[in-house]
Amino acid sequence: MAKPKKSLHPAPDDPAFILDRYPLYALNRTSAVYVEEMSKALKTIGMDQPHWRVLTLLEDTNPSTVSDISRRTIIKMSTITRILIRMEAEGLVRRAPSADDSRVTEVYITAAGRAAVERVKQVGGRIYRKAIKGLSDDDLTRLMHVLKVIEGNLGRSPYLD
């Protein structure tokens, strides 16, 4: 009987576990570095991560419901509601009851929000180009696939509709 092949990336409960070879640790570190870089860059234009996430989502899907924004940005409902109230006060979004179901709140991007999204996209573009330097389209396609599989395995993927 063949001996099972040892993984190059054993789980944390394996005696052969090495933190620097743990893919989820590398993913978490990469995410933390990205968030830090984006936060610093967004701050220079008076924005923050939640603004970036909500505005780019609304540019893609306008209007969106509060629950859909919460699900797709992976921000808790109570938190996203406070963020949207703040963004509405800043004139970036408008909230209104859904015409189909008054219990549902829809969020619309405003003209000021569209102008702001152009600024955050410029910042995001610079960080993105820096992050993917040296990667091919095939590398990025495979990366997106792997990330979606991991997220789906964890049961929280907004792509699994």
Protein backbone atom coordinates (compact mmCIF):
# COMPACT_ATOMS: atom_id res chain seq x y z
CA MET A 1 0.00 0.00 0.00
CA ALA A 2 1.33 3.41 -0.99
CA LYS A 3 2.20 5.84 1.74
CA PRO A 4 0.01 9.00 1.61
CA LYS A 5 1.80 11.97 0.12
CA LYS A 6 2.67 14.66 2.65
CA SER A 7 1.24 18.08 1.96
CA LEU A 8 3.56 21.00 1.36
CA HIS A 9 0.96 23.07 3.21
CA PRO A 10 -0.19 21.04 6.24
CA ALA A 11 -3.08 22.15 8.43
CA PRO A 12 -2.44 23.87 11.78
CA ASP A 13 -3.19 20.63 13.67
CA ASP A 14 -0.49 18.71 11.74
CA PRO A 15 2.87 18.33 13.53
CA ALA A 16 4.58 19.41 10.27
CA PHE A 17 2.70 22.74 10.27
CA ILE A 18 4.83 25.80 9.47
CA LEU A 19 3.07 29.15 9.71
CA ASP A 20 4.88 30.71 6.75
CA ARG A 21 3.69 27.85 4.51
CA TYR A 22 0.06 28.19 5.62
CA PRO A 23 -1.94 29.59 2.66
CA LEU A 24 -4.63 31.20 4.82
CA TYR A 25 -2.00 33.00 6.89
CA ALA A 26 -0.44 34.31 3.67
CA LEU A 27 -3.90 35.33 2.45
CA ASN A 28 -4.61 37.15 5.71
CA ARG A 29 -1.25 38.94 5.64
CA THR A 30 -1.78 39.96 2.02
CA SER A 31 -5.25 41.25 2.83
CA ALA A 32 -3.94 43.23 5.81
CA VAL A 33 -1.20 44.84 3.70
CA TYR A 34 -3.72 45.67 0.95
CA VAL A 35 -6.18 47.20 3.44
CA GLU A 36 -3.40 49.28 5.00
CA GLU A 37 -2.20 50.54 1.59
CA MET A 38 -5.75 51.33 0.45
CA SER A 39 -6.61 53.05 3.73
CA LYS A 40 -3.57 55.31 3.51
CA ALA A 41 -4.24 56.16 -0.13
CA LEU A 42 -7.99 56.71 0.38
CA LYS A 43 -7.32 59.00 3.33
CA THR A 44 -5.50 61.40 0.97
CA ILE A 45 -8.81 62.00 -0.85
CA GLY A 46 -11.00 62.06 2.27
CA MET A 47 -12.39 58.55 1.83
CA ASP A 48 -12.18 55.27 3.72
CA GLN A 49 -12.55 51.54 3.02
CA PRO A 50 -16.34 51.43 3.57
CA HIS A 51 -16.81 54.35 1.14
CA TRP A 52 -14.66 52.52 -1.42
CA ARG A 53 -16.58 49.27 -1.06
CA VAL A 54 -20.07 50.81 -1.12
CA LEU A 55 -19.43 53.30 -3.93
CA THR A 56 -17.79 50.78 -6.26
CA LEU A 57 -20.57 48.28 -5.55
CA LEU A 58 -23.27 50.87 -6.26
CA GLU A 59 -21.56 51.94 -9.44
CA ASP A 60 -21.79 48.30 -10.53
CA THR A 61 -25.31 47.61 -9.20
CA ASN A 62 -27.43 50.74 -8.69
CA PRO A 63 -29.73 50.64 -6.82
CA SER A 64 -28.89 47.93 -4.30
CA THR A 65 -30.72 46.98 -1.15
CA VAL A 66 -29.09 47.54 2.22
CA SER A 67 -29.05 43.78 2.81
CA ASP A 68 -27.38 43.16 -0.57
CA ILE A 69 -24.75 45.81 0.18
CA SER A 70 -24.15 44.20 3.57
CA ARG A 71 -23.82 40.74 2.04
CA ARG A 72 -21.56 41.75 -0.85
CA THR A 73 -19.27 44.00 1.20
CA ILE A 74 -19.25 41.52 4.11
CA ILE A 75 -20.09 44.30 6.55
CA LYS A 76 -22.66 43.59 9.28
CA MET A 77 -26.15 45.05 8.75
CA SER A 78 -25.98 47.32 11.78
CA THR A 79 -22.59 48.64 10.69
CA ILE A 80 -23.52 49.11 7.03
CA THR A 81 -26.68 50.97 8.06
CA ARG A 82 -24.59 53.47 10.06
CA ILE A 83 -22.14 53.81 7.15
CA LEU A 84 -24.99 54.46 4.70
CA ILE A 85 -26.56 57.06 7.01
CA ARG A 86 -23.19 58.84 7.12
CA MET A 87 -22.75 58.56 3.34
CA GLU A 88 -26.27 59.92 2.81
CA ALA A 89 -25.46 62.91 5.05
CA GLU A 90 -22.35 63.46 2.91
CA GLY A 91 -24.55 63.47 -0.22
CA LEU A 92 -22.92 60.37 -1.73
CA VAL A 93 -25.96 58.07 -1.63
CA ARG A 94 -29.71 58.32 -1.28
CA ARG A 95 -31.81 55.77 0.62
CA ALA A 96 -35.47 55.12 -0.17
CA PRO A 97 -38.07 52.43 0.53
CA SER A 98 -38.40 49.90 -2.27
CA ALA A 99 -41.40 50.42 -4.55
CA ASP A 100 -41.99 46.66 -4.41
CA ASP A 101 -41.67 46.19 -0.63
CA SER A 102 -41.66 49.15 1.76
CA ARG A 103 -39.82 47.03 4.37
CA VAL A 104 -36.80 46.98 2.05
CA THR A 105 -34.52 50.00 1.73
CA GLU A 106 -32.85 50.64 -1.60
CA VAL A 107 -29.67 52.68 -1.87
CA TYR A 108 -28.89 54.84 -4.91
CA ILE A 109 -25.60 56.49 -5.80
CA THR A 110 -25.93 60.26 -6.27
CA ALA A 111 -24.11 62.55 -8.71
CA ALA A 112 -21.70 63.45 -5.89
CA GLY A 113 -21.25 59.73 -5.22
CA ARG A 114 -20.43 59.13 -8.90
CA ALA A 115 -17.80 61.88 -8.77
CA ALA A 116 -16.37 60.36 -5.58
CA VAL A 117 -16.27 56.89 -7.10
CA GLU A 118 -14.09 58.22 -9.90
CA ARG A 119 -11.60 59.48 -7.30
CA VAL A 120 -11.61 56.20 -5.36
CA LYS A 121 -11.20 54.24 -8.60
CA GLN A 122 -8.05 56.22 -9.38
CA VAL A 123 -6.65 55.33 -5.96
CA GLY A 124 -7.77 51.72 -6.31
CA GLY A 125 -6.23 51.49 -9.77
CA ARG A 126 -2.82 52.61 -8.52
CA ILE A 127 -2.84 50.10 -5.65
CA TYR A 128 -4.13 47.33 -7.93
CA ARG A 129 -1.40 47.85 -10.54
CA LYS A 130 1.21 47.83 -7.77
CA ALA A 131 -0.23 44.62 -6.29
CA ILE A 132 -0.45 42.63 -9.53
CA LYS A 133 2.91 43.66 -10.98
CA GLY A 134 4.51 40.59 -12.55
CA LEU A 135 1.29 38.54 -12.68
CA SER A 136 -0.23 37.39 -15.97
CA ASP A 137 -3.92 37.38 -16.85
CA ASP A 138 -3.83 33.59 -16.40
CA ASP A 139 -2.32 34.04 -12.91
CA LEU A 140 -5.09 36.48 -11.98
CA THR A 141 -7.83 34.25 -13.42
CA ARG A 142 -6.52 31.29 -11.41
CA LEU A 143 -6.18 33.45 -8.29
CA MET A 144 -9.80 34.64 -8.59
CA HIS A 145 -10.95 31.05 -9.03
CA VAL A 146 -9.00 29.83 -5.99
CA LEU A 147 -10.23 32.72 -3.82
CA LYS A 148 -13.86 32.09 -4.82
CA VAL A 149 -13.49 28.37 -4.01
CA ILE A 150 -12.00 29.11 -0.58
CA GLU A 151 -14.68 31.70 0.17
CA GLY A 152 -17.39 29.30 -0.99
CA ASN A 153 -15.93 26.50 1.15
CA LEU A 154 -16.21 28.81 4.13
CA GLY A 155 -19.86 29.44 3.24
CA ARG A 156 -19.84 33.21 2.86
CA SER A 157 -19.26 33.81 -0.83
CA PRO A 158 -21.36 36.61 -2.34
CA TYR A 159 -20.71 34.93 -5.71
CA LEU A 160 -22.85 31.91 -4.85
CA ASP A 161 -26.28 33.26 -5.68
